[in-house]
Amino acid sequence: MLETDLDLLIAAAKESGRIATGFHGSTYETWDKEDGAGPVTAADLAVNRMLEVELREARPDYGWLSEESAPQEDRQHAERVFIVDPIDGTRSFIEGSDTWAHSIAIADRGDVVAGVVYLPKRDLMFTAAKGKGAFLNGTPIAPSTRDTLTGANILATRPSFEPRHWKRVPDVTRNHRPSLAYRLALVAQGKFDAMLTLRATWEWDIAAGVLLLEEAGAMASDKHGQRLRFNNPDPRLPGMVGSNHALHAQILDALAA
């Protein structure tokens, strides 16, 4: 029997974890990307090589978009496309922390239909398929029910709360986690009330997490409130906001135009 797209992603995520943890705690090559795009390691590239071979062999008609692969313009002509961050939270990985993730998704004509966020060192496997709900290690998850922005626990970087971004800076508790994919998963799980990032955001950082949010019953949009679409010619999106329905509207209302 042909495995489902989600089954394929889960198996790929597990193998990614096996490869990455083999590097973790050892000596391996690291370097900085051009234009200040952040660090990359031999582990990122090893995971990426495996994923590109295994996933494209399983679904040869799907396009490919990955942080660690050269641009492939033919993805624009594919109905479905893999969107991959081999290791999300590379700085955390280099530091020896356990808080880094594999983020793997499939988008169908702009909408994410399957996604996995896997943290192998924490034994956390977040999964979602369109119309099927969101899960953590096989157990359904749901967002928080908080309906007041004041006092909410929000995952965001410090610059996101600079006054220039807001009509009024909300009185919230700011939290941080190194992996953007993990932040999205934590909001889908209800561990935090919301997350936001207000700078240009790469599709591979958020594709899987956006589906987790939506399938858990939360909302996701760009920072202007517009629907998020994937597999764009330029794979950068104008920031994003993710939370339950009540807080989503309040955050957008408080943000500067």
Protein backbone atom coordinates (compact mmCIF):
# COMPACT_ATOMS: atom_id res chain seq x y z
CA MET A 1 0.00 0.00 0.00
CA LEU A 2 1.30 3.47 -0.92
CA GLU A 3 2.14 5.40 2.22
CA THR A 4 0.38 8.70 2.77
CA ASP A 5 2.26 11.97 2.44
CA LEU A 6 2.20 12.36 6.23
CA ASP A 7 3.56 8.84 6.76
CA LEU A 8 6.35 9.69 4.34
CA LEU A 9 7.22 12.88 6.25
CA ILE A 10 7.18 11.13 9.62
CA ALA A 11 9.61 8.46 8.41
CA ALA A 12 11.83 11.14 6.87
CA ALA A 13 11.81 13.16 10.09
CA LYS A 14 12.87 10.13 12.12
CA GLU A 15 15.77 9.46 9.77
CA SER A 16 16.69 13.15 9.91
CA GLY A 17 16.84 12.88 13.69
CA ARG A 18 19.05 9.82 13.50
CA ILE A 19 21.51 11.61 11.20
CA ALA A 20 21.54 14.90 13.11
CA THR A 21 21.97 13.34 16.55
CA GLY A 22 24.98 11.46 15.17
CA PHE A 23 26.67 14.84 14.75
CA HIS A 24 25.36 16.33 18.00
CA GLY A 25 28.08 16.63 20.61
CA SER A 26 30.85 15.70 18.17
CA THR A 27 33.29 17.79 16.15
CA TYR A 28 31.94 18.85 12.74
CA GLU A 29 32.39 21.66 10.26
CA THR A 30 30.42 24.90 10.63
CA TRP A 31 30.51 28.12 8.62
CA ASP A 32 28.48 31.28 7.99
CA LYS A 33 26.31 31.75 4.93
CA GLU A 34 26.69 34.78 2.70
CA ASP A 35 24.81 38.03 3.37
CA GLY A 36 24.47 37.32 7.09
CA ALA A 37 21.96 34.52 6.48
CA GLY A 38 23.14 32.61 9.54
CA PRO A 39 25.26 29.55 10.25
CA VAL A 40 25.18 26.18 8.54
CA THR A 41 26.81 22.92 9.56
CA ALA A 42 27.82 19.62 8.04
CA ALA A 43 24.81 18.17 9.87
CA ASP A 44 22.38 20.50 8.05
CA LEU A 45 23.78 19.42 4.71
CA ALA A 46 23.83 15.71 5.55
CA VAL A 47 20.17 15.81 6.58
CA ASN A 48 19.28 17.85 3.50
CA ARG A 49 21.01 15.37 1.16
CA MET A 50 19.12 12.45 2.63
CA LEU A 51 15.77 14.24 2.50
CA GLU A 52 16.18 15.40 -1.08
CA VAL A 53 17.10 11.91 -2.26
CA GLU A 54 14.51 9.97 -0.27
CA LEU A 55 11.55 12.33 -0.59
CA ARG A 56 12.00 13.10 -4.27
CA GLU A 57 12.46 9.43 -5.05
CA ALA A 58 9.18 8.68 -3.28
CA ARG A 59 7.32 11.58 -4.96
CA PRO A 60 9.20 12.43 -8.19
CA ASP A 61 6.47 14.77 -9.43
CA TYR A 62 6.69 17.00 -6.33
CA GLY A 63 8.74 20.18 -6.38
CA TRP A 64 11.52 20.96 -3.89
CA LEU A 65 12.17 24.00 -1.71
CA SER A 66 14.77 23.74 1.05
CA GLU A 67 16.88 26.17 3.04
CA GLU A 68 20.00 24.20 2.17
CA SER A 69 19.39 23.51 -1.54
CA ALA A 70 20.10 25.72 -4.53
CA PRO A 71 16.98 27.44 -5.92
CA GLN A 72 14.97 25.14 -8.18
CA GLU A 73 12.66 27.16 -10.37
CA ASP A 74 10.81 24.10 -11.69
CA ARG A 75 9.03 23.91 -8.32
CA GLN A 76 6.75 26.69 -9.56
CA HIS A 77 5.27 24.29 -12.09
CA ALA A 78 4.56 21.49 -9.59
CA GLU A 79 1.14 21.16 -7.96
CA ARG A 80 2.76 19.81 -4.81
CA VAL A 81 6.10 20.82 -3.33
CA PHE A 82 8.23 19.73 -0.38
CA ILE A 83 9.16 22.66 1.88
CA VAL A 84 12.06 21.70 4.15
CA ASP A 85 14.24 23.11 6.88
CA PRO A 86 16.73 20.31 7.59
CA ILE A 87 17.63 21.76 11.01
CA ASP A 88 15.63 24.69 12.34
CA GLY A 89 17.56 26.29 15.18
CA THR A 90 21.07 25.68 13.84
CA ARG A 91 22.66 28.07 16.35
CA SER A 92 21.05 26.10 19.16
CA PHE A 93 22.29 22.86 17.58
CA ILE A 94 25.85 24.24 17.45
CA GLU A 95 25.65 25.28 21.11
CA GLY A 96 24.77 21.71 22.10
CA SER A 97 21.20 22.50 23.16
CA ASP A 98 18.35 20.03 22.67
CA THR A 99 16.04 22.72 21.25
CA TRP A 100 16.29 22.35 17.48
CA ALA A 101 13.89 20.76 15.05
CA HIS A 102 13.40 19.17 11.66
CA SER A 103 10.57 20.97 9.82
CA ILE A 104 9.17 19.16 6.77
CA ALA A 105 5.98 20.05 4.90
CA ILE A 106 4.12 19.51 1.65
CA ALA A 107 2.15 22.32 0.03
CA ASP A 108 -0.54 21.76 -2.59
CA ARG A 109 -1.09 24.79 -4.84
CA GLY A 110 -0.12 27.14 -2.04
CA ASP A 111 -1.79 25.40 0.91
CA VAL A 112 0.16 23.17 3.31
CA VAL A 113 -1.50 19.74 3.43
CA ALA A 114 0.99 17.71 5.51
CA GLY A 115 3.60 18.76 8.02
CA VAL A 116 5.94 17.45 10.68
CA VAL A 117 8.00 19.29 13.31
CA TYR A 118 10.31 16.84 15.07
CA LEU A 119 12.64 17.50 17.99
CA PRO A 120 14.60 14.24 18.30
CA LYS A 121 16.54 15.18 21.45
CA ARG A 122 13.26 16.02 23.21
CA ASP A 123 11.30 13.09 21.73
CA LEU A 124 8.62 15.45 20.38
CA MET A 125 6.93 14.56 17.09
CA PHE A 126 4.31 17.11 16.04
CA THR A 127 2.26 16.01 13.03
CA ALA A 128 -0.68 17.29 11.01
CA ALA A 129 -2.51 16.52 7.78
CA LYS A 130 -5.12 18.75 6.18
CA GLY A 131 -8.53 18.05 7.69
CA LYS A 132 -7.17 15.40 10.08
CA GLY A 133 -6.19 17.43 13.18
CA ALA A 134 -2.85 18.07 14.84
CA PHE A 135 -1.01 15.72 17.17
CA LEU A 136 1.97 15.43 19.50
CA ASN A 137 3.34 11.89 19.69
CA GLY A 138 -0.06 10.64 18.52
CA THR A 139 -2.15 12.62 21.02
CA PRO A 140 -4.44 15.44 19.74
CA ILE A 141 -3.39 18.98 20.62
CA ALA A 142 -5.32 22.26 20.87
CA PRO A 143 -4.44 25.93 21.41
CA SER A 144 -4.99 27.90 24.60
CA THR A 145 -8.42 29.38 25.30
CA ARG A 146 -7.17 32.74 26.56
CA ASP A 147 -9.28 35.61 25.23
CA THR A 148 -7.44 38.66 26.66
CA LEU A 149 -4.19 39.92 25.16
CA THR A 150 -3.05 41.68 28.34
CA GLY A 151 -1.02 39.19 30.32
CA ALA A 152 -0.77 36.65 27.49
CA ASN A 153 2.34 34.49 27.12
CA ILE A 154 3.76 35.21 23.67
CA LEU A 155 6.73 33.67 21.89
CA ALA A 156 8.70 36.36 20.04
CA THR A 157 12.14 37.89 19.76
CA ARG A 158 12.87 41.09 21.68
CA PRO A 159 12.94 43.36 18.57
CA SER A 160 9.34 42.35 17.80
CA PHE A 161 8.19 44.48 20.74
CA GLU A 162 9.96 47.68 19.73
CA PRO A 163 7.39 50.52 19.77
CA ARG A 164 7.80 51.20 16.03
CA HIS A 165 5.93 47.97 15.29
CA TRP A 166 2.85 48.82 17.34
CA LYS A 167 0.05 51.31 17.67
CA ARG A 168 0.24 50.35 21.32
CA VAL A 169 2.73 47.84 22.75
CA PRO A 170 0.70 45.19 24.56
CA ASP A 171 1.37 44.27 28.18
CA VAL A 172 2.33 40.64 27.71
CA THR A 173 4.93 38.16 28.94
CA ARG A 174 7.52 37.66 26.21
CA ASN A 175 9.12 34.25 25.84
CA HIS A 176 11.62 32.82 23.38
CA ARG A 177 12.58 29.46 21.90
CA PRO A 178 15.40 29.07 19.34
CA SER A 179 13.43 27.21 16.65
CA LEU A 180 10.65 29.10 14.87
CA ALA A 181 9.01 25.79 13.90
CA TYR A 182 9.01 24.76 17.57
CA ARG A 183 7.42 28.08 18.59
CA LEU A 184 4.55 27.43 16.22
CA ALA A 185 4.14 23.90 17.55
CA LEU A 186 4.09 25.14 21.15
CA VAL A 187 1.26 27.56 20.36
CA ALA A 188 -0.65 24.79 18.56
CA GLN A 189 -0.17 22.68 21.70
CA GLY A 190 -1.49 25.45 23.98
CA LYS A 191 1.76 25.80 25.93
CA PHE A 192 1.87 29.47 24.90
CA ASP A 193 -0.95 31.78 23.86
CA ALA A 194 0.57 33.23 20.69
CA MET A 195 3.70 33.72 18.62
CA LEU A 196 4.76 36.39 16.20
CA THR A 197 7.65 37.35 14.00
CA LEU A 198 7.59 40.71 12.27
CA ARG A 199 10.56 40.46 9.93
CA ALA A 200 10.64 38.69 6.56
CA THR A 201 10.15 34.99 7.23
CA TRP A 202 11.32 32.08 5.08
CA GLU A 203 8.65 29.59 4.06
CA TRP A 204 10.69 26.61 5.24
CA ASP A 205 10.74 27.98 8.80
CA ILE A 206 6.96 28.07 9.16
CA ALA A 207 5.24 25.83 6.59
CA ALA A 208 4.83 22.76 8.79
CA GLY A 209 4.08 24.83 11.89
CA VAL A 210 1.34 26.82 10.17
CA LEU A 211 -0.52 23.59 9.38
CA LEU A 212 -0.09 22.47 13.01
CA LEU A 213 -1.70 25.72 14.15
CA GLU A 214 -4.61 25.51 11.74
CA GLU A 215 -5.33 21.84 12.35
CA ALA A 216 -5.16 22.35 16.13
CA GLY A 217 -7.89 25.00 15.80
CA ALA A 218 -5.76 28.15 15.93
CA MET A 219 -5.17 30.88 13.34
CA ALA A 220 -2.17 31.94 11.29
CA SER A 221 -1.70 34.92 8.98
CA ASP A 222 1.02 37.27 7.87
CA LYS A 223 1.58 40.35 10.05
CA HIS A 224 -0.99 42.26 7.96
CA GLY A 225 -3.68 39.67 8.57
CA GLN A 226 -3.45 38.17 5.08
CA ARG A 227 -3.66 34.45 4.38
CA LEU A 228 -0.32 32.67 4.17
CA ARG A 229 0.40 31.05 0.79
CA PHE A 230 3.41 28.86 0.06
CA ASN A 231 5.70 27.99 -2.85
CA ASN A 232 6.01 31.63 -3.89
CA PRO A 233 8.65 32.70 -6.44
CA ASP A 234 10.33 34.58 -3.57
CA PRO A 235 9.99 32.23 -0.58
CA ARG A 236 9.95 35.05 1.96
CA LEU A 237 6.71 36.00 3.71
CA PRO A 238 6.03 39.33 5.48
CA GLY A 239 6.23 38.04 9.04
CA MET A 240 3.44 36.14 10.73
CA VAL A 241 1.10 35.95 13.71
CA GLY A 242 -0.20 32.68 15.16
CA SER A 243 -2.64 32.27 18.05
CA ASN A 244 -6.16 31.25 18.95
CA HIS A 245 -8.97 33.14 17.22
CA ALA A 246 -9.65 35.66 20.00
CA LEU A 247 -6.04 36.77 20.44
CA HIS A 248 -5.28 36.81 16.75
CA ALA A 249 -7.68 39.67 16.12
CA GLN A 250 -6.39 41.60 19.16
CA ILE A 251 -2.74 41.28 18.10
CA LEU A 252 -3.48 42.46 14.57
CA ASP A 253 -5.48 45.38 15.93
CA ALA A 254 -2.57 46.45 18.16
CA LEU A 255 0.08 46.21 15.43
CA ALA A 256 1.00 49.32 13.46
CA ALA A 257 -0.22 49.40 9.86
